[in-house]
Amino acid sequence: MVQILERILQGKGRMEDIDLLLEICDQIDGRSFCALGDAAAWPIRAFIKNYRGEFEYFVRHGRSMYADNPESQKMFPPLGYQRYNPMRYTYTYP
């Protein structure tokens, strides 16, 4: 799910990615032995349910519908900002 969301945020998303996220949520929800699996699916499903139009806009235009609003600029990180992703880093044990 993280990889799909990052692809969308990079402007490389496809419209079918939104439905793919929902399908993945359906596969996880109620089928995981770990409660964290269910907990990972719920926010994604809720975001798409409540803000699907914004997801679709982002996929079509490669940016948020609020990106051009000067007041909204304060909400976005500076261009080129890389947020921390622990899956991108490897640690070599001594």
N, C-alpha and C. Protein backbone atom coordinates (compact mmCIF):
# COMPACT_ATOMS: atom_id res chain seq x y z
N MET A 1 0.83 -1.19 0.00
CA MET A 1 0.00 0.00 0.00
C MET A 1 0.88 1.25 0.00
N VAL A 2 1.96 1.20 0.76
CA VAL A 2 2.85 2.36 0.83
C VAL A 2 3.45 2.65 -0.53
N GLN A 3 3.85 1.62 -1.24
CA GLN A 3 4.46 1.83 -2.56
C GLN A 3 3.46 2.45 -3.54
N ILE A 4 2.23 2.03 -3.47
CA ILE A 4 1.21 2.58 -4.37
C ILE A 4 0.95 4.04 -4.02
N LEU A 5 0.83 4.33 -2.74
CA LEU A 5 0.60 5.71 -2.32
C LEU A 5 1.79 6.60 -2.69
N GLU A 6 3.00 6.11 -2.53
CA GLU A 6 4.17 6.90 -2.91
C GLU A 6 4.20 7.14 -4.41
N ARG A 7 3.81 6.14 -5.20
CA ARG A 7 3.75 6.32 -6.65
C ARG A 7 2.76 7.43 -7.01
N ILE A 8 1.62 7.44 -6.34
CA ILE A 8 0.63 8.50 -6.57
C ILE A 8 1.22 9.86 -6.19
N LEU A 9 1.87 9.92 -5.04
CA LEU A 9 2.45 11.19 -4.59
C LEU A 9 3.57 11.68 -5.49
N GLN A 10 4.24 10.79 -6.18
CA GLN A 10 5.30 11.18 -7.11
C GLN A 10 4.75 11.61 -8.45
N GLY A 11 3.43 11.53 -8.62
CA GLY A 11 2.81 11.94 -9.87
C GLY A 11 2.80 10.85 -10.93
N LYS A 12 3.11 9.62 -10.53
CA LYS A 12 3.15 8.50 -11.47
C LYS A 12 1.99 7.54 -11.27
N GLY A 13 0.99 7.96 -10.53
CA GLY A 13 -0.14 7.09 -10.23
C GLY A 13 -1.05 6.88 -11.42
N ARG A 14 -1.80 5.80 -11.36
CA ARG A 14 -2.80 5.48 -12.39
C ARG A 14 -4.16 5.44 -11.70
N MET A 15 -5.20 5.65 -12.48
CA MET A 15 -6.54 5.63 -11.90
C MET A 15 -6.87 4.28 -11.27
N GLU A 16 -6.33 3.20 -11.86
CA GLU A 16 -6.63 1.89 -11.28
C GLU A 16 -5.93 1.67 -9.95
N ASP A 17 -4.96 2.51 -9.61
CA ASP A 17 -4.29 2.39 -8.31
C ASP A 17 -5.25 2.62 -7.15
N ILE A 18 -6.22 3.49 -7.36
CA ILE A 18 -7.18 3.78 -6.30
C ILE A 18 -8.01 2.53 -5.99
N ASP A 19 -8.50 1.88 -7.03
CA ASP A 19 -9.27 0.65 -6.83
C ASP A 19 -8.38 -0.48 -6.32
N LEU A 20 -7.12 -0.49 -6.76
CA LEU A 20 -6.19 -1.50 -6.27
C LEU A 20 -5.97 -1.36 -4.77
N LEU A 21 -5.86 -0.13 -4.30
CA LEU A 21 -5.73 0.09 -2.85
C LEU A 21 -6.95 -0.45 -2.10
N LEU A 22 -8.13 -0.21 -2.65
CA LEU A 22 -9.35 -0.72 -2.01
C LEU A 22 -9.38 -2.25 -2.01
N GLU A 23 -8.94 -2.85 -3.10
CA GLU A 23 -8.89 -4.32 -3.17
C GLU A 23 -7.92 -4.89 -2.13
N ILE A 24 -6.77 -4.24 -1.99
CA ILE A 24 -5.80 -4.69 -0.99
C ILE A 24 -6.39 -4.57 0.40
N CYS A 25 -7.08 -3.47 0.66
CA CYS A 25 -7.74 -3.29 1.97
C CYS A 25 -8.76 -4.40 2.22
N ASP A 26 -9.52 -4.75 1.20
CA ASP A 26 -10.50 -5.83 1.34
C ASP A 26 -9.83 -7.16 1.65
N GLN A 27 -8.67 -7.40 1.05
CA GLN A 27 -7.95 -8.65 1.29
C GLN A 27 -7.37 -8.72 2.71
N ILE A 28 -7.00 -7.58 3.24
CA ILE A 28 -6.38 -7.54 4.58
C ILE A 28 -7.44 -7.54 5.68
N ASP A 29 -8.46 -6.71 5.51
CA ASP A 29 -9.47 -6.50 6.56
C ASP A 29 -10.22 -7.79 6.87
N GLY A 30 -10.12 -8.23 8.11
CA GLY A 30 -10.83 -9.40 8.56
C GLY A 30 -10.16 -10.72 8.23
N ARG A 31 -9.04 -10.66 7.52
CA ARG A 31 -8.36 -11.90 7.15
C ARG A 31 -6.97 -12.02 7.79
N SER A 32 -6.60 -11.00 8.51
CA SER A 32 -5.28 -11.00 9.13
C SER A 32 -5.36 -11.53 10.55
N PHE A 33 -4.38 -12.33 10.94
CA PHE A 33 -4.34 -12.82 12.32
C PHE A 33 -3.91 -11.70 13.27
N CYS A 34 -3.23 -10.73 12.74
CA CYS A 34 -2.72 -9.62 13.55
C CYS A 34 -3.67 -8.43 13.42
N ALA A 35 -3.99 -7.83 14.53
CA ALA A 35 -4.89 -6.67 14.51
C ALA A 35 -4.26 -5.49 13.77
N LEU A 36 -2.95 -5.46 13.69
CA LEU A 36 -2.29 -4.36 12.99
C LEU A 36 -2.59 -4.40 11.49
N GLY A 37 -2.84 -5.59 10.95
CA GLY A 37 -3.22 -5.68 9.54
C GLY A 37 -4.53 -4.97 9.28
N ASP A 38 -5.52 -5.24 10.10
CA ASP A 38 -6.81 -4.54 9.98
C ASP A 38 -6.62 -3.04 10.17
N ALA A 39 -5.82 -2.69 11.16
CA ALA A 39 -5.61 -1.27 11.47
C ALA A 39 -4.92 -0.54 10.34
N ALA A 40 -4.13 -1.24 9.52
CA ALA A 40 -3.47 -0.60 8.38
C ALA A 40 -4.46 -0.35 7.25
N ALA A 41 -5.46 -1.19 7.12
CA ALA A 41 -6.40 -1.06 6.01
C ALA A 41 -7.46 0.01 6.26
N TRP A 42 -7.88 0.16 7.49
CA TRP A 42 -9.00 1.08 7.78
C TRP A 42 -8.75 2.52 7.37
N PRO A 43 -7.61 3.14 7.70
CA PRO A 43 -7.44 4.55 7.30
C PRO A 43 -7.40 4.74 5.79
N ILE A 44 -6.77 3.81 5.08
CA ILE A 44 -6.70 3.94 3.62
C ILE A 44 -8.10 3.89 3.02
N ARG A 45 -8.89 2.93 3.47
CA ARG A 45 -10.27 2.80 2.96
C ARG A 45 -11.08 4.06 3.30
N ALA A 46 -10.93 4.56 4.51
CA ALA A 46 -11.68 5.76 4.92
C ALA A 46 -11.25 6.99 4.11
N PHE A 47 -9.95 7.14 3.86
CA PHE A 47 -9.48 8.28 3.06
C PHE A 47 -10.05 8.23 1.66
N ILE A 48 -10.02 7.05 1.05
CA ILE A 48 -10.53 6.95 -0.31
C ILE A 48 -12.05 7.15 -0.33
N LYS A 49 -12.75 6.60 0.66
CA LYS A 49 -14.21 6.76 0.72
C LYS A 49 -14.59 8.23 0.85
N ASN A 50 -13.89 8.96 1.69
CA ASN A 50 -14.27 10.34 1.97
C ASN A 50 -13.63 11.36 1.02
N TYR A 51 -12.51 11.02 0.41
CA TYR A 51 -11.78 11.98 -0.42
C TYR A 51 -11.41 11.41 -1.78
N ARG A 52 -12.23 10.56 -2.32
CA ARG A 52 -11.91 9.92 -3.60
C ARG A 52 -11.69 10.95 -4.70
N GLY A 53 -12.48 11.99 -4.71
CA GLY A 53 -12.32 13.04 -5.71
C GLY A 53 -10.93 13.67 -5.67
N GLU A 54 -10.40 13.85 -4.47
CA GLU A 54 -9.06 14.41 -4.35
C GLU A 54 -7.99 13.42 -4.81
N PHE A 55 -8.20 12.13 -4.52
CA PHE A 55 -7.29 11.11 -5.02
C PHE A 55 -7.27 11.12 -6.54
N GLU A 56 -8.46 11.16 -7.15
CA GLU A 56 -8.55 11.15 -8.61
C GLU A 56 -7.91 12.39 -9.22
N TYR A 57 -8.10 13.55 -8.60
CA TYR A 57 -7.49 14.78 -9.08
C TYR A 57 -5.97 14.65 -9.03
N PHE A 58 -5.47 14.11 -7.91
CA PHE A 58 -4.02 13.97 -7.75
C PHE A 58 -3.46 13.05 -8.83
N VAL A 59 -4.15 11.97 -9.12
CA VAL A 59 -3.68 11.03 -10.15
C VAL A 59 -3.70 11.70 -11.52
N ARG A 60 -4.77 12.42 -11.83
CA ARG A 60 -4.89 13.05 -13.15
C ARG A 60 -3.87 14.17 -13.36
N HIS A 61 -3.65 14.98 -12.32
CA HIS A 61 -2.82 16.17 -12.47
C HIS A 61 -1.43 16.04 -11.86
N GLY A 62 -1.20 15.00 -11.09
CA GLY A 62 0.12 14.80 -10.48
C GLY A 62 0.40 15.72 -9.31
N ARG A 63 -0.63 16.35 -8.81
CA ARG A 63 -0.47 17.26 -7.66
C ARG A 63 -1.83 17.44 -6.98
N SER A 64 -1.77 17.99 -5.81
CA SER A 64 -2.98 18.22 -5.05
C SER A 64 -3.79 19.36 -5.65
N MET A 65 -5.08 19.31 -5.48
CA MET A 65 -5.93 20.40 -5.97
C MET A 65 -5.70 21.68 -5.17
N TYR A 66 -5.03 21.57 -4.05
CA TYR A 66 -4.75 22.74 -3.21
C TYR A 66 -3.35 23.27 -3.41
N ALA A 67 -2.57 22.66 -4.28
CA ALA A 67 -1.16 23.03 -4.45
C ALA A 67 -0.98 24.45 -4.96
N ASP A 68 -1.91 24.97 -5.74
CA ASP A 68 -1.77 26.31 -6.32
C ASP A 68 -2.32 27.41 -5.43
N ASN A 69 -2.99 27.04 -4.36
CA ASN A 69 -3.57 28.02 -3.45
C ASN A 69 -2.48 28.54 -2.50
N PRO A 70 -2.17 29.83 -2.51
CA PRO A 70 -1.10 30.36 -1.66
C PRO A 70 -1.31 30.08 -0.17
N GLU A 71 -2.54 30.09 0.28
CA GLU A 71 -2.82 29.81 1.69
C GLU A 71 -2.51 28.36 2.04
N SER A 72 -2.70 27.47 1.08
CA SER A 72 -2.45 26.05 1.31
C SER A 72 -0.97 25.70 1.25
N GLN A 73 -0.15 26.57 0.66
CA GLN A 73 1.27 26.27 0.52
C GLN A 73 1.94 26.02 1.86
N LYS A 74 1.42 26.59 2.91
CA LYS A 74 2.01 26.42 4.25
C LYS A 74 1.87 24.98 4.74
N MET A 75 0.91 24.24 4.18
CA MET A 75 0.68 22.86 4.61
C MET A 75 1.67 21.89 3.97
N PHE A 76 2.29 22.26 2.84
CA PHE A 76 3.12 21.33 2.09
C PHE A 76 4.58 21.48 2.44
N PRO A 77 5.32 20.39 2.44
CA PRO A 77 6.76 20.48 2.67
C PRO A 77 7.44 21.14 1.48
N PRO A 78 8.65 21.68 1.67
CA PRO A 78 9.35 22.31 0.55
C PRO A 78 9.65 21.31 -0.57
N LEU A 79 9.81 21.82 -1.78
CA LEU A 79 10.11 20.97 -2.92
C LEU A 79 11.40 20.19 -2.68
N GLY A 80 11.39 18.93 -3.03
CA GLY A 80 12.57 18.09 -2.84
C GLY A 80 12.66 17.46 -1.47
N TYR A 81 11.72 17.74 -0.61
CA TYR A 81 11.74 17.18 0.75
C TYR A 81 11.49 15.68 0.68
N GLN A 82 12.32 14.91 1.34
CA GLN A 82 12.15 13.46 1.43
C GLN A 82 11.76 13.12 2.86
N ARG A 83 10.58 12.58 3.02
CA ARG A 83 10.20 12.19 4.37
C ARG A 83 10.88 10.90 4.75
N TYR A 84 11.03 10.68 6.02
CA TYR A 84 11.71 9.49 6.51
C TYR A 84 10.89 8.24 6.21
N ASN A 85 11.53 7.26 5.62
CA ASN A 85 10.89 5.99 5.34
C ASN A 85 11.86 4.90 5.80
N PRO A 86 11.56 4.22 6.90
CA PRO A 86 12.51 3.24 7.43
C PRO A 86 12.77 2.08 6.47
N MET A 87 11.91 1.84 5.50
CA MET A 87 12.13 0.74 4.57
C MET A 87 13.21 1.07 3.55
N ARG A 88 13.58 2.34 3.43
CA ARG A 88 14.61 2.73 2.48
C ARG A 88 16.02 2.58 3.05
N TYR A 89 16.12 2.40 4.33
CA TYR A 89 17.42 2.34 4.98
C TYR A 89 17.73 0.94 5.43
N THR A 90 18.97 0.58 5.32
CA THR A 90 19.41 -0.72 5.82
C THR A 90 20.46 -0.48 6.88
N TYR A 91 20.49 -1.34 7.83
CA TYR A 91 21.47 -1.22 8.90
C TYR A 91 22.30 -2.49 8.90
N THR A 92 23.60 -2.31 8.92
CA THR A 92 24.50 -3.46 8.97
C THR A 92 24.94 -3.65 10.41
N TYR A 93 24.63 -4.80 10.92
CA TYR A 93 25.02 -5.10 12.31
C TYR A 93 26.51 -5.40 12.36
N PRO A 94 27.19 -4.88 13.39
CA PRO A 94 28.64 -5.13 13.51
C PRO A 94 28.96 -6.59 13.79
